[in-house]
Amino acid sequence: MTHIYFVRHAEPEFEWADFDFHEEGGESLSMVQQRNIEALLELISTYKGKNILLGTQTSVLYTTPNCQ
């Protein structure tokens, strides 16, 4: 079984009301979420059966489901 451990460094200062909002040329939280899920799935596949420790921004923690 693969285990992923997150290290939380800070709490978010606000809640995001619109995950699809983004500045021109920027990235929305839903885009961040999708990119992060794809990366996590790749890590799980690559390191199947291993423990994985990730250090990241809080936006990753709060946009990725079941991250605790």
C-alpha atoms as a PDB file:
ATOM      1  CA  MET A   1       0.000   0.000   0.000  1.00  0.00           C
ATOM      2  CA  THR A   2       1.269   3.482  -0.891  1.00  0.00           C
ATOM      3  CA  HIS A   3       1.079   6.194   1.770  1.00  0.00           C
ATOM      4  CA  ILE A   4       1.297   9.914   1.022  1.00  0.00           C
ATOM      5  CA  TYR A   5       2.150  12.288   3.850  1.00  0.00           C
ATOM      6  CA  PHE A   6       1.553  16.038   3.564  1.00  0.00           C
ATOM      7  CA  VAL A   7       3.367  18.587   5.696  1.00  0.00           C
ATOM      8  CA  ARG A   8       1.176  21.626   6.305  1.00  0.00           C
ATOM      9  CA  HIS A   9       3.110  24.888   6.756  1.00  0.00           C
ATOM     10  CA  ALA A  10       0.386  27.544   6.964  1.00  0.00           C
ATOM     11  CA  GLU A  11      -3.363  27.969   6.996  1.00  0.00           C
ATOM     12  CA  PRO A  12      -5.096  29.795   4.141  1.00  0.00           C
ATOM     13  CA  GLU A  13      -6.058  33.392   4.843  1.00  0.00           C
ATOM     14  CA  PHE A  14      -9.343  33.155   2.954  1.00  0.00           C
ATOM     15  CA  GLU A  15     -11.764  30.747   1.376  1.00  0.00           C
ATOM     16  CA  TRP A  16     -11.986  30.621  -2.380  1.00  0.00           C
ATOM     17  CA  ALA A  17     -15.478  31.320  -3.624  1.00  0.00           C
ATOM     18  CA  ASP A  18     -14.899  30.588  -7.311  1.00  0.00           C
ATOM     19  CA  PHE A  19     -12.495  27.771  -8.233  1.00  0.00           C
ATOM     20  CA  ASP A  20     -12.787  28.715 -11.912  1.00  0.00           C
ATOM     21  CA  PHE A  21     -11.707  32.354 -11.557  1.00  0.00           C
ATOM     22  CA  HIS A  22      -8.260  33.295 -12.835  1.00  0.00           C
ATOM     23  CA  GLU A  23      -6.442  36.394 -13.967  1.00  0.00           C
ATOM     24  CA  GLU A  24      -5.644  36.671 -17.667  1.00  0.00           C
ATOM     25  CA  GLY A  25      -2.826  34.232 -18.366  1.00  0.00           C
ATOM     26  CA  GLY A  26      -3.137  32.834 -14.854  1.00  0.00           C
ATOM     27  CA  GLU A  27      -4.292  29.553 -13.412  1.00  0.00           C
ATOM     28  CA  SER A  28      -7.596  28.927 -11.624  1.00  0.00           C
ATOM     29  CA  LEU A  29      -7.802  26.806  -8.492  1.00  0.00           C
ATOM     30  CA  SER A  30      -9.636  24.116 -10.471  1.00  0.00           C
ATOM     31  CA  MET A  31      -6.685  24.065 -12.915  1.00  0.00           C
ATOM     32  CA  VAL A  32      -4.280  23.822  -9.968  1.00  0.00           C
ATOM     33  CA  GLN A  33      -6.379  20.996  -8.539  1.00  0.00           C
ATOM     34  CA  GLN A  34      -6.364  19.029 -11.797  1.00  0.00           C
ATOM     35  CA  ARG A  35      -2.616  19.479 -12.271  1.00  0.00           C
ATOM     36  CA  ASN A  36      -1.921  18.380  -8.703  1.00  0.00           C
ATOM     37  CA  ILE A  37      -4.147  15.311  -8.911  1.00  0.00           C
ATOM     38  CA  GLU A  38      -2.381  14.246 -12.114  1.00  0.00           C
ATOM     39  CA  ALA A  39       1.010  14.683 -10.419  1.00  0.00           C
ATOM     40  CA  LEU A  40      -0.124  12.713  -7.349  1.00  0.00           C
ATOM     41  CA  LEU A  41      -1.404   9.864  -9.504  1.00  0.00           C
ATOM     42  CA  GLU A  42       1.937   9.768 -11.315  1.00  0.00           C
ATOM     43  CA  LEU A  43       3.828   9.678  -7.996  1.00  0.00           C
ATOM     44  CA  ILE A  44       1.600   6.888  -6.694  1.00  0.00           C
ATOM     45  CA  SER A  45       2.179   4.900  -9.886  1.00  0.00           C
ATOM     46  CA  THR A  46       5.938   5.505  -9.896  1.00  0.00           C
ATOM     47  CA  TYR A  47       6.470   4.765  -6.206  1.00  0.00           C
ATOM     48  CA  LYS A  48       3.830   2.084  -5.701  1.00  0.00           C
ATOM     49  CA  GLY A  49       4.235   0.412  -2.316  1.00  0.00           C
ATOM     50  CA  LYS A  50       6.559   3.152  -1.026  1.00  0.00           C
ATOM     51  CA  ASN A  51       6.008   5.976   1.447  1.00  0.00           C
ATOM     52  CA  ILE A  52       5.903   9.444  -0.099  1.00  0.00           C
ATOM     53  CA  LEU A  53       6.483  12.711   1.771  1.00  0.00           C
ATOM     54  CA  LEU A  54       5.405  15.939   0.076  1.00  0.00           C
ATOM     55  CA  GLY A  55       6.068  19.501   1.170  1.00  0.00           C
ATOM     56  CA  THR A  56       3.857  22.010  -0.606  1.00  0.00           C
ATOM     57  CA  GLN A  57       1.844  25.210  -0.540  1.00  0.00           C
ATOM     58  CA  THR A  58      -1.488  25.307   1.253  1.00  0.00           C
ATOM     59  CA  SER A  59      -3.296  25.858  -2.048  1.00  0.00           C
ATOM     60  CA  VAL A  60      -2.297  22.340  -3.029  1.00  0.00           C
ATOM     61  CA  LEU A  61      -3.571  20.931   0.262  1.00  0.00           C
ATOM     62  CA  TYR A  62      -6.870  22.732   0.082  1.00  0.00           C
ATOM     63  CA  THR A  63      -7.626  22.017  -3.571  1.00  0.00           C
ATOM     64  CA  THR A  64      -6.699  18.336  -3.507  1.00  0.00           C
ATOM     65  CA  PRO A  65      -9.489  16.087  -2.172  1.00  0.00           C
ATOM     66  CA  ASN A  66      -8.839  13.717   0.738  1.00  0.00           C
ATOM     67  CA  CYS A  67      -5.491  15.310   1.471  1.00  0.00           C
ATOM     68  CA  GLN A  68      -5.533  14.939   5.257  1.00  0.00           C
END
